[in-house]
Amino acid sequence: MNSLLLIGGIGLQEILLITFVVLLLFGGKKIPELMKGMGKGIRSFKDGLNDMEKGLEDSDTTEADGTETH
């Protein structure tokens, strides 16, 4: 909860207001679908970051070995 307070001073009242607006816009039945889609997107983003980091580590070890990467 402390990390939320650091982001622009968002407090409990603002979080409740945002939650209420989201419920009004999307309804209770759509929220689980939205959260599922958001979770898949975040997971895909993290997988992409991990693949990129792994590729950078592989290229660093290849350059350290003295072999060309072309």
C-alpha atoms as a PDB file:
ATOM      1  CA  MET A   1       0.000   0.000   0.000  1.00  0.00           C
ATOM      2  CA  ASN A   2       2.916   2.346   0.670  1.00  0.00           C
ATOM      3  CA  SER A   3       4.056   2.089  -2.945  1.00  0.00           C
ATOM      4  CA  LEU A   4       0.666   3.403  -4.088  1.00  0.00           C
ATOM      5  CA  LEU A   5       1.057   6.436  -1.868  1.00  0.00           C
ATOM      6  CA  LEU A   6       4.305   7.336  -3.620  1.00  0.00           C
ATOM      7  CA  ILE A   7       2.641   7.490  -7.043  1.00  0.00           C
ATOM      8  CA  GLY A   8       1.251  11.013  -7.205  1.00  0.00           C
ATOM      9  CA  GLY A   9      -0.239  10.892  -3.726  1.00  0.00           C
ATOM     10  CA  ILE A  10      -2.984   8.389  -4.554  1.00  0.00           C
ATOM     11  CA  GLY A  11      -4.941   7.673  -1.405  1.00  0.00           C
ATOM     12  CA  LEU A  12      -7.761   5.351  -0.416  1.00  0.00           C
ATOM     13  CA  GLN A  13     -10.467   7.757  -1.601  1.00  0.00           C
ATOM     14  CA  GLU A  14      -8.959   7.990  -5.075  1.00  0.00           C
ATOM     15  CA  ILE A  15      -8.615   4.213  -5.342  1.00  0.00           C
ATOM     16  CA  LEU A  16     -12.261   3.766  -4.328  1.00  0.00           C
ATOM     17  CA  LEU A  17     -13.362   6.388  -6.864  1.00  0.00           C
ATOM     18  CA  ILE A  18     -11.381   4.724  -9.664  1.00  0.00           C
ATOM     19  CA  THR A  19     -12.824   1.332  -8.711  1.00  0.00           C
ATOM     20  CA  PHE A  20     -16.358   2.753  -8.738  1.00  0.00           C
ATOM     21  CA  VAL A  21     -15.874   4.355 -12.166  1.00  0.00           C
ATOM     22  CA  VAL A  22     -14.462   1.119 -13.596  1.00  0.00           C
ATOM     23  CA  LEU A  23     -17.454  -0.803 -12.234  1.00  0.00           C
ATOM     24  CA  LEU A  24     -19.825   1.712 -13.795  1.00  0.00           C
ATOM     25  CA  LEU A  25     -18.114   1.622 -17.181  1.00  0.00           C
ATOM     26  CA  PHE A  26     -17.543  -2.102 -17.558  1.00  0.00           C
ATOM     27  CA  GLY A  27     -19.970  -3.777 -15.179  1.00  0.00           C
ATOM     28  CA  GLY A  28     -19.216  -6.601 -12.787  1.00  0.00           C
ATOM     29  CA  LYS A  29     -19.201  -9.360 -15.408  1.00  0.00           C
ATOM     30  CA  LYS A  30     -16.552  -7.789 -17.657  1.00  0.00           C
ATOM     31  CA  ILE A  31     -13.980  -7.069 -14.941  1.00  0.00           C
ATOM     32  CA  PRO A  32     -12.662 -10.658 -14.620  1.00  0.00           C
ATOM     33  CA  GLU A  33     -12.207 -10.798 -18.403  1.00  0.00           C
ATOM     34  CA  LEU A  34     -10.345  -7.480 -18.372  1.00  0.00           C
ATOM     35  CA  MET A  35      -8.075  -8.598 -15.534  1.00  0.00           C
ATOM     36  CA  LYS A  36      -7.367 -11.896 -17.300  1.00  0.00           C
ATOM     37  CA  GLY A  37      -6.381 -10.032 -20.461  1.00  0.00           C
ATOM     38  CA  MET A  38      -4.240  -7.611 -18.482  1.00  0.00           C
ATOM     39  CA  GLY A  39      -2.488 -10.505 -16.724  1.00  0.00           C
ATOM     40  CA  LYS A  40      -1.723 -12.185 -20.048  1.00  0.00           C
ATOM     41  CA  GLY A  41      -0.338  -8.923 -21.409  1.00  0.00           C
ATOM     42  CA  ILE A  42       1.904  -8.389 -18.398  1.00  0.00           C
ATOM     43  CA  ARG A  43       3.128 -11.992 -18.556  1.00  0.00           C
ATOM     44  CA  SER A  44       3.913 -11.621 -22.260  1.00  0.00           C
ATOM     45  CA  PHE A  45       5.802  -8.383 -21.586  1.00  0.00           C
ATOM     46  CA  LYS A  46       7.875 -10.008 -18.825  1.00  0.00           C
ATOM     47  CA  ASP A  47       8.648 -12.993 -21.060  1.00  0.00           C
ATOM     48  CA  GLY A  48       9.831 -10.608 -23.773  1.00  0.00           C
ATOM     49  CA  LEU A  49      12.080  -8.786 -21.313  1.00  0.00           C
ATOM     50  CA  ASN A  50      13.557 -12.073 -20.085  1.00  0.00           C
ATOM     51  CA  ASP A  51      14.211 -13.211 -23.667  1.00  0.00           C
ATOM     52  CA  MET A  52      15.896  -9.906 -24.460  1.00  0.00           C
ATOM     53  CA  GLU A  53      18.090 -10.089 -21.349  1.00  0.00           C
ATOM     54  CA  LYS A  54      19.013 -13.693 -22.149  1.00  0.00           C
ATOM     55  CA  GLY A  55      19.942 -12.686 -25.700  1.00  0.00           C
ATOM     56  CA  LEU A  56      22.127  -9.866 -24.419  1.00  0.00           C
ATOM     57  CA  GLU A  57      23.867 -12.201 -21.965  1.00  0.00           C
ATOM     58  CA  ASP A  58      24.482 -14.739 -24.740  1.00  0.00           C
ATOM     59  CA  SER A  59      25.974 -12.076 -27.013  1.00  0.00           C
ATOM     60  CA  ASP A  60      28.210 -10.840 -24.177  1.00  0.00           C
ATOM     61  CA  THR A  61      29.610 -14.329 -23.529  1.00  0.00           C
ATOM     62  CA  THR A  62      30.110 -14.896 -27.257  1.00  0.00           C
ATOM     63  CA  GLU A  63      32.060 -11.647 -27.557  1.00  0.00           C
ATOM     64  CA  ALA A  64      34.117 -12.572 -24.486  1.00  0.00           C
ATOM     65  CA  ASP A  65      35.044 -15.880 -26.139  1.00  0.00           C
ATOM     66  CA  GLY A  66      36.379 -13.993 -29.136  1.00  0.00           C
ATOM     67  CA  THR A  67      34.034 -15.566 -31.676  1.00  0.00           C
ATOM     68  CA  GLU A  68      32.138 -13.418 -34.129  1.00  0.00           C
ATOM     69  CA  THR A  69      28.378 -13.065 -33.901  1.00  0.00           C
ATOM     70  CA  HIS A  70      27.688 -12.293 -37.591  1.00  0.00           C
END
